Amino acid sequence: QTKLLPRVFLSTSRALQVEEINPPSNEPPIPAYQEKFGEPLKLKRARLLYQSRKRGMLENGLVLSTFAAKFLNTMEGEILDQYDRLINLPTNDWDIYYWATGVKPTPLEFNNQVMNMLKEHVKNKDRESRIRQPDLTF
């Protein structure tokens, strides 16, 4: 029991320290996104649908998968490129979520037609059920 007391005291004293500690990350670096030029439209839509569904965080998985199900098949040209850049350039998925929900201001780079569409989609004015990702159709 005497050995336990110093450890508890040491833990408590560390918790009271004010300085912030940022240990180096052991995670592998995320490679920079490389825009794909000349990608066939069908392949690009399939890739974006997959990327919209596999976000790594539930909130964006639901928001982006329902958005893609609703709009992706009608997107072309610059609008499709805007969506591609939106879901692939930011390195933090929470940024996309906060921009779409209006918690943080959208950077000029992403303040475009697709972001406006996404912000309207997030408002869910029709009160659609969005508790799961839409079924895939082949």
N, C-alpha and C. Protein backbone atom coordinates (compact mmCIF):
# COMPACT_ATOMS: atom_id res chain seq x y z
N GLN A 1 0.82 -1.19 0.00
CA GLN A 1 0.00 0.00 0.00
C GLN A 1 0.87 1.26 0.00
N THR A 2 2.02 1.20 0.59
CA THR A 2 2.90 2.37 0.58
C THR A 2 3.41 2.67 -0.83
N LYS A 3 3.52 1.65 -1.65
CA LYS A 3 3.95 1.87 -3.03
C LYS A 3 2.85 2.54 -3.85
N LEU A 4 1.63 2.29 -3.53
CA LEU A 4 0.51 2.85 -4.27
C LEU A 4 0.35 4.35 -4.02
N LEU A 5 0.59 4.78 -2.81
CA LEU A 5 0.39 6.18 -2.44
C LEU A 5 1.25 7.13 -3.28
N PRO A 6 2.54 6.91 -3.46
CA PRO A 6 3.33 7.84 -4.28
C PRO A 6 2.83 7.90 -5.73
N ARG A 7 2.37 6.80 -6.27
CA ARG A 7 1.88 6.80 -7.65
C ARG A 7 0.62 7.66 -7.77
N VAL A 8 -0.27 7.52 -6.82
CA VAL A 8 -1.49 8.33 -6.84
C VAL A 8 -1.12 9.80 -6.71
N PHE A 9 -0.21 10.10 -5.78
CA PHE A 9 0.21 11.48 -5.58
C PHE A 9 0.87 12.03 -6.85
N LEU A 10 1.71 11.24 -7.48
CA LEU A 10 2.38 11.65 -8.70
C LEU A 10 1.36 11.92 -9.80
N SER A 11 0.37 11.04 -9.94
CA SER A 11 -0.68 11.23 -10.95
C SER A 11 -1.46 12.51 -10.69
N THR A 12 -1.79 12.75 -9.42
CA THR A 12 -2.55 13.94 -9.07
C THR A 12 -1.74 15.19 -9.34
N SER A 13 -0.47 15.18 -8.99
CA SER A 13 0.35 16.38 -9.21
C SER A 13 0.51 16.65 -10.71
N ARG A 14 0.60 15.64 -11.51
CA ARG A 14 0.69 15.82 -12.96
C ARG A 14 -0.60 16.41 -13.51
N ALA A 15 -1.72 15.99 -12.98
CA ALA A 15 -3.01 16.49 -13.46
C ALA A 15 -3.16 17.97 -13.15
N LEU A 16 -2.49 18.45 -12.11
CA LEU A 16 -2.61 19.85 -11.73
C LEU A 16 -1.66 20.77 -12.50
N GLN A 17 -0.75 20.21 -13.27
CA GLN A 17 0.17 21.04 -14.05
C GLN A 17 -0.60 21.81 -15.11
N VAL A 18 -0.18 23.05 -15.34
CA VAL A 18 -0.89 23.93 -16.26
C VAL A 18 -0.39 23.78 -17.69
N GLU A 19 0.88 23.48 -17.86
CA GLU A 19 1.44 23.44 -19.20
C GLU A 19 0.78 22.35 -20.06
N GLU A 20 0.66 22.65 -21.33
CA GLU A 20 0.04 21.71 -22.26
C GLU A 20 1.14 20.86 -22.89
N ILE A 21 0.91 19.58 -22.97
CA ILE A 21 1.89 18.67 -23.53
C ILE A 21 1.35 18.12 -24.83
N ASN A 22 2.11 18.28 -25.89
CA ASN A 22 1.73 17.75 -27.20
C ASN A 22 2.78 16.74 -27.64
N PRO A 23 2.59 15.48 -27.28
CA PRO A 23 3.58 14.49 -27.68
C PRO A 23 3.60 14.33 -29.20
N PRO A 24 4.75 13.97 -29.74
CA PRO A 24 4.80 13.78 -31.19
C PRO A 24 3.88 12.64 -31.61
N SER A 25 3.29 12.79 -32.77
CA SER A 25 2.35 11.79 -33.27
C SER A 25 3.10 10.59 -33.84
N ASN A 26 2.60 9.42 -33.54
CA ASN A 26 3.17 8.20 -34.10
C ASN A 26 2.38 7.73 -35.31
N GLU A 27 1.38 8.52 -35.71
CA GLU A 27 0.55 8.14 -36.84
C GLU A 27 1.27 8.42 -38.15
N PRO A 28 1.05 7.58 -39.15
CA PRO A 28 1.68 7.86 -40.45
C PRO A 28 1.07 9.11 -41.06
N PRO A 29 1.85 9.88 -41.81
CA PRO A 29 1.31 11.10 -42.42
C PRO A 29 0.27 10.76 -43.49
N ILE A 30 -0.71 11.63 -43.62
CA ILE A 30 -1.74 11.45 -44.65
C ILE A 30 -1.20 12.02 -45.94
N PRO A 31 -1.17 11.24 -47.01
CA PRO A 31 -0.65 11.79 -48.27
C PRO A 31 -1.56 12.90 -48.79
N ALA A 32 -0.95 13.89 -49.44
CA ALA A 32 -1.71 15.01 -50.00
C ALA A 32 -2.61 14.50 -51.12
N TYR A 33 -3.80 15.07 -51.21
CA TYR A 33 -4.74 14.68 -52.26
C TYR A 33 -4.22 15.14 -53.61
N GLN A 34 -4.30 14.25 -54.58
CA GLN A 34 -3.92 14.58 -55.95
C GLN A 34 -5.16 14.49 -56.81
N GLU A 35 -5.53 15.63 -57.39
CA GLU A 35 -6.73 15.68 -58.22
C GLU A 35 -6.55 14.78 -59.43
N LYS A 36 -7.61 14.09 -59.79
CA LYS A 36 -7.57 13.15 -60.91
C LYS A 36 -8.13 13.83 -62.15
N PHE A 37 -7.32 13.92 -63.19
CA PHE A 37 -7.74 14.55 -64.43
C PHE A 37 -8.05 13.48 -65.46
N GLY A 38 -9.08 13.70 -66.25
CA GLY A 38 -9.45 12.76 -67.30
C GLY A 38 -10.13 11.50 -66.79
N GLU A 39 -10.58 11.52 -65.56
CA GLU A 39 -11.26 10.36 -64.98
C GLU A 39 -12.64 10.22 -65.61
N PRO A 40 -13.00 9.04 -66.09
CA PRO A 40 -14.34 8.86 -66.67
C PRO A 40 -15.43 9.22 -65.65
N LEU A 41 -16.50 9.85 -66.13
CA LEU A 41 -17.57 10.36 -65.27
C LEU A 41 -18.16 9.27 -64.38
N LYS A 42 -18.41 8.10 -64.95
CA LYS A 42 -19.00 7.00 -64.18
C LYS A 42 -18.06 6.56 -63.04
N LEU A 43 -16.77 6.48 -63.35
CA LEU A 43 -15.79 6.08 -62.35
C LEU A 43 -15.65 7.16 -61.26
N LYS A 44 -15.67 8.42 -61.68
CA LYS A 44 -15.55 9.52 -60.71
C LYS A 44 -16.73 9.53 -59.75
N ARG A 45 -17.92 9.35 -60.28
CA ARG A 45 -19.11 9.31 -59.41
C ARG A 45 -19.05 8.13 -58.45
N ALA A 46 -18.60 6.98 -58.95
CA ALA A 46 -18.49 5.79 -58.09
C ALA A 46 -17.47 6.03 -56.97
N ARG A 47 -16.34 6.65 -57.31
CA ARG A 47 -15.31 6.95 -56.31
C ARG A 47 -15.84 7.93 -55.26
N LEU A 48 -16.52 8.98 -55.73
CA LEU A 48 -17.05 9.97 -54.80
C LEU A 48 -18.16 9.41 -53.92
N LEU A 49 -18.95 8.51 -54.46
CA LEU A 49 -19.98 7.86 -53.65
C LEU A 49 -19.33 7.03 -52.54
N TYR A 50 -18.31 6.27 -52.90
CA TYR A 50 -17.59 5.47 -51.91
C TYR A 50 -16.98 6.38 -50.84
N GLN A 51 -16.31 7.45 -51.29
CA GLN A 51 -15.65 8.35 -50.35
C GLN A 51 -16.66 9.10 -49.47
N SER A 52 -17.85 9.32 -50.00
CA SER A 52 -18.90 9.98 -49.21
C SER A 52 -19.41 9.07 -48.10
N ARG A 53 -19.37 7.78 -48.33
CA ARG A 53 -19.90 6.81 -47.37
C ARG A 53 -18.86 6.37 -46.34
N LYS A 54 -17.60 6.42 -46.68
CA LYS A 54 -16.52 5.90 -45.82
C LYS A 54 -15.69 7.04 -45.28
N ARG A 55 -16.22 7.78 -44.33
CA ARG A 55 -15.57 8.98 -43.83
C ARG A 55 -14.73 8.76 -42.58
N GLY A 56 -15.03 7.76 -41.80
CA GLY A 56 -14.29 7.57 -40.56
C GLY A 56 -14.96 8.23 -39.36
N MET A 57 -16.01 8.98 -39.61
CA MET A 57 -16.81 9.54 -38.51
C MET A 57 -18.28 9.47 -38.92
N LEU A 58 -19.09 9.03 -38.00
CA LEU A 58 -20.50 8.76 -38.28
C LEU A 58 -21.23 9.98 -38.83
N GLU A 59 -21.01 11.15 -38.23
CA GLU A 59 -21.75 12.35 -38.63
C GLU A 59 -21.55 12.66 -40.12
N ASN A 60 -20.31 12.69 -40.57
CA ASN A 60 -20.07 12.98 -41.99
C ASN A 60 -20.47 11.82 -42.87
N GLY A 61 -20.36 10.60 -42.39
CA GLY A 61 -20.84 9.46 -43.17
C GLY A 61 -22.31 9.60 -43.49
N LEU A 62 -23.10 10.01 -42.50
CA LEU A 62 -24.54 10.20 -42.71
C LEU A 62 -24.83 11.42 -43.58
N VAL A 63 -24.20 12.54 -43.27
CA VAL A 63 -24.45 13.77 -44.03
C VAL A 63 -24.04 13.61 -45.48
N LEU A 64 -22.82 13.14 -45.71
CA LEU A 64 -22.31 13.08 -47.09
C LEU A 64 -22.92 11.94 -47.89
N SER A 65 -23.23 10.82 -47.25
CA SER A 65 -23.84 9.72 -48.02
C SER A 65 -25.25 10.08 -48.46
N THR A 66 -26.02 10.76 -47.61
CA THR A 66 -27.37 11.17 -48.01
C THR A 66 -27.30 12.29 -49.04
N PHE A 67 -26.33 13.17 -48.92
CA PHE A 67 -26.13 14.24 -49.90
C PHE A 67 -25.76 13.64 -51.26
N ALA A 68 -24.82 12.70 -51.25
CA ALA A 68 -24.39 12.06 -52.50
C ALA A 68 -25.54 11.29 -53.15
N ALA A 69 -26.32 10.59 -52.34
CA ALA A 69 -27.46 9.83 -52.89
C ALA A 69 -28.46 10.76 -53.57
N LYS A 70 -28.60 11.96 -53.04
CA LYS A 70 -29.58 12.90 -53.56
C LYS A 70 -29.07 13.68 -54.78
N PHE A 71 -27.78 14.04 -54.81
CA PHE A 71 -27.28 14.96 -55.82
C PHE A 71 -26.20 14.43 -56.76
N LEU A 72 -25.47 13.41 -56.36
CA LEU A 72 -24.27 13.01 -57.11
C LEU A 72 -24.56 12.65 -58.56
N ASN A 73 -25.65 11.95 -58.82
CA ASN A 73 -25.94 11.52 -60.20
C ASN A 73 -26.31 12.67 -61.13
N THR A 74 -26.64 13.83 -60.59
CA THR A 74 -26.97 14.98 -61.44
C THR A 74 -25.81 15.97 -61.53
N MET A 75 -24.76 15.77 -60.75
CA MET A 75 -23.60 16.67 -60.78
C MET A 75 -22.73 16.39 -62.00
N GLU A 76 -22.23 17.47 -62.58
CA GLU A 76 -21.30 17.35 -63.71
C GLU A 76 -20.29 18.47 -63.65
N GLY A 77 -19.22 18.32 -64.40
CA GLY A 77 -18.24 19.38 -64.59
C GLY A 77 -17.71 19.99 -63.32
N GLU A 78 -17.76 21.33 -63.26
CA GLU A 78 -17.18 22.09 -62.15
C GLU A 78 -17.85 21.75 -60.82
N ILE A 79 -19.15 21.50 -60.83
CA ILE A 79 -19.86 21.15 -59.58
C ILE A 79 -19.32 19.84 -59.02
N LEU A 80 -19.11 18.87 -59.89
CA LEU A 80 -18.56 17.58 -59.46
C LEU A 80 -17.13 17.77 -58.94
N ASP A 81 -16.36 18.63 -59.60
CA ASP A 81 -14.99 18.92 -59.15
C ASP A 81 -15.00 19.61 -57.79
N GLN A 82 -15.95 20.52 -57.57
CA GLN A 82 -16.06 21.20 -56.27
C GLN A 82 -16.34 20.18 -55.17
N TYR A 83 -17.22 19.23 -55.44
CA TYR A 83 -17.54 18.21 -54.43
C TYR A 83 -16.32 17.33 -54.17
N ASP A 84 -15.62 16.97 -55.22
CA ASP A 84 -14.41 16.16 -55.09
C ASP A 84 -13.40 16.87 -54.19
N ARG A 85 -13.15 18.13 -54.45
CA ARG A 85 -12.19 18.89 -53.64
C ARG A 85 -12.68 19.04 -52.20
N LEU A 86 -13.98 19.28 -52.02
CA LEU A 86 -14.53 19.46 -50.68
C LEU A 86 -14.31 18.24 -49.80
N ILE A 87 -14.57 17.06 -50.33
CA ILE A 87 -14.47 15.87 -49.47
C ILE A 87 -13.06 15.29 -49.43
N ASN A 88 -12.14 15.79 -50.27
CA ASN A 88 -10.80 15.23 -50.30
C ASN A 88 -9.68 16.16 -49.85
N LEU A 89 -9.85 17.47 -49.96
CA LEU A 89 -8.76 18.38 -49.59
C LEU A 89 -8.63 18.64 -48.10
N PRO A 90 -9.70 18.92 -47.37
CA PRO A 90 -9.51 19.17 -45.93
C PRO A 90 -8.95 17.92 -45.25
N THR A 91 -7.99 18.14 -44.35
CA THR A 91 -7.37 17.00 -43.66
C THR A 91 -8.13 16.61 -42.41
N ASN A 92 -9.12 17.40 -42.02
CA ASN A 92 -9.88 17.10 -40.82
C ASN A 92 -11.37 17.05 -41.17
N ASP A 93 -11.97 15.89 -41.04
CA ASP A 93 -13.39 15.73 -41.37
C ASP A 93 -14.29 16.61 -40.51
N TRP A 94 -13.85 16.92 -39.30
CA TRP A 94 -14.67 17.78 -38.44
C TRP A 94 -14.82 19.16 -39.06
N ASP A 95 -13.80 19.62 -39.79
CA ASP A 95 -13.92 20.92 -40.46
C ASP A 95 -15.09 20.92 -41.42
N ILE A 96 -15.21 19.89 -42.24
CA ILE A 96 -16.31 19.80 -43.20
C ILE A 96 -17.64 19.86 -42.45
N TYR A 97 -17.74 19.10 -41.39
CA TYR A 97 -18.97 19.06 -40.60
C TYR A 97 -19.30 20.44 -40.02
N TYR A 98 -18.30 21.09 -39.44
CA TYR A 98 -18.53 22.40 -38.83
C TYR A 98 -18.88 23.46 -39.87
N TRP A 99 -18.28 23.40 -41.05
CA TRP A 99 -18.63 24.34 -42.12
C TRP A 99 -20.07 24.12 -42.57
N ALA A 100 -20.42 22.86 -42.78
CA ALA A 100 -21.76 22.53 -43.29
C ALA A 100 -22.85 22.91 -42.28
N THR A 101 -22.55 22.77 -41.01
CA THR A 101 -23.55 23.08 -39.98
C THR A 101 -23.50 24.53 -39.52
N GLY A 102 -22.54 25.29 -40.03
CA GLY A 102 -22.44 26.71 -39.69
C GLY A 102 -21.77 27.00 -38.37
N VAL A 103 -21.14 26.01 -37.76
CA VAL A 103 -20.44 26.22 -36.50
C VAL A 103 -19.18 27.06 -36.73
N LYS A 104 -18.49 26.81 -37.84
CA LYS A 104 -17.31 27.57 -38.22
C LYS A 104 -17.55 28.20 -39.59
N PRO A 105 -16.94 29.35 -39.85
CA PRO A 105 -17.09 29.95 -41.19
C PRO A 105 -16.37 29.10 -42.24
N THR A 106 -16.97 29.02 -43.41
CA THR A 106 -16.38 28.25 -44.50
C THR A 106 -15.24 29.04 -45.14
N PRO A 107 -14.06 28.44 -45.30
CA PRO A 107 -12.97 29.13 -45.99
C PRO A 107 -13.37 29.45 -47.43
N LEU A 108 -12.82 30.53 -47.97
CA LEU A 108 -13.15 30.96 -49.33
C LEU A 108 -12.96 29.83 -50.34
N GLU A 109 -11.93 29.03 -50.16
CA GLU A 109 -11.63 27.93 -51.08
C GLU A 109 -12.81 26.97 -51.23
N PHE A 110 -13.59 26.80 -50.18
CA PHE A 110 -14.70 25.85 -50.20
C PHE A 110 -16.08 26.53 -50.16
N ASN A 111 -16.10 27.84 -50.16
CA ASN A 111 -17.36 28.57 -50.13
C ASN A 111 -17.88 28.71 -51.57
N ASN A 112 -18.59 27.69 -52.03
CA ASN A 112 -19.02 27.61 -53.42
C ASN A 112 -20.42 27.01 -53.51
N GLN A 113 -20.83 26.70 -54.71
CA GLN A 113 -22.19 26.18 -54.93
C GLN A 113 -22.42 24.85 -54.20
N VAL A 114 -21.44 23.97 -54.23
CA VAL A 114 -21.60 22.67 -53.57
C VAL A 114 -21.74 22.86 -52.05
N MET A 115 -20.95 23.74 -51.47
CA MET A 115 -21.07 23.98 -50.03
C MET A 115 -22.44 24.56 -49.69
N ASN A 116 -22.94 25.46 -50.54
CA ASN A 116 -24.29 26.00 -50.31
C ASN A 116 -25.34 24.89 -50.38
N MET A 117 -25.19 23.98 -51.34
CA MET A 117 -26.10 22.84 -51.45
C MET A 117 -26.02 21.97 -50.19
N LEU A 118 -24.78 21.72 -49.73
CA LEU A 118 -24.58 20.88 -48.55
C LEU A 118 -25.18 21.54 -47.30
N LYS A 119 -25.01 22.85 -47.17
CA LYS A 119 -25.58 23.56 -46.02
C LYS A 119 -27.11 23.46 -46.02
N GLU A 120 -27.72 23.57 -47.18
CA GLU A 120 -29.18 23.42 -47.27
C GLU A 120 -29.59 21.98 -46.95
N HIS A 121 -28.81 21.03 -47.44
CA HIS A 121 -29.09 19.61 -47.17
C HIS A 121 -29.04 19.33 -45.67
N VAL A 122 -28.07 19.90 -44.99
CA VAL A 122 -27.91 19.68 -43.55
C VAL A 122 -29.10 20.23 -42.76
N LYS A 123 -29.72 21.29 -43.26
CA LYS A 123 -30.89 21.87 -42.57
C LYS A 123 -32.06 20.89 -42.54
N ASN A 124 -32.12 19.98 -43.52
CA ASN A 124 -33.13 18.93 -43.57
C ASN A 124 -34.54 19.49 -43.39
N LYS A 125 -34.88 20.45 -44.22
CA LYS A 125 -36.19 21.12 -44.12
C LYS A 125 -37.36 20.17 -44.30
N ASP A 126 -37.16 19.08 -45.05
CA ASP A 126 -38.24 18.10 -45.26
C ASP A 126 -38.32 17.07 -44.14
N ARG A 127 -37.42 17.17 -43.16
CA ARG A 127 -37.39 16.26 -42.01
C ARG A 127 -37.29 14.79 -42.43
N GLU A 128 -36.39 14.54 -43.39
CA GLU A 128 -36.15 13.16 -43.83
C GLU A 128 -35.42 12.40 -42.73
N SER A 129 -35.67 11.11 -42.66
CA SER A 129 -34.95 10.27 -41.72
C SER A 129 -33.53 10.05 -42.25
N ARG A 130 -32.56 10.40 -41.44
CA ARG A 130 -31.16 10.25 -41.85
C ARG A 130 -30.37 9.55 -40.75
N ILE A 131 -30.94 8.48 -40.24
CA ILE A 131 -30.27 7.76 -39.16
C ILE A 131 -29.41 6.62 -39.69
N ARG A 132 -29.45 6.39 -40.99
CA ARG A 132 -28.59 5.38 -41.61
C ARG A 132 -28.26 5.83 -43.02
N GLN A 133 -27.21 5.25 -43.56
CA GLN A 133 -26.83 5.59 -44.93
C GLN A 133 -27.82 4.97 -45.91
N PRO A 134 -28.07 5.66 -47.02
CA PRO A 134 -29.00 5.10 -48.01
C PRO A 134 -28.46 3.80 -48.60
N ASP A 135 -29.37 2.94 -49.00
CA ASP A 135 -28.96 1.70 -49.66
C ASP A 135 -28.26 2.01 -50.97
N LEU A 136 -27.30 1.19 -51.32
CA LEU A 136 -26.63 1.33 -52.61
C LEU A 136 -27.51 0.74 -53.70
N THR A 137 -27.56 1.39 -54.84
CA THR A 137 -28.30 0.85 -55.98
C THR A 137 -27.30 0.59 -57.09
N PHE A 138 -27.44 -0.54 -57.74
CA PHE A 138 -26.50 -0.90 -58.81
C PHE A 138 -27.21 -0.97 -60.13
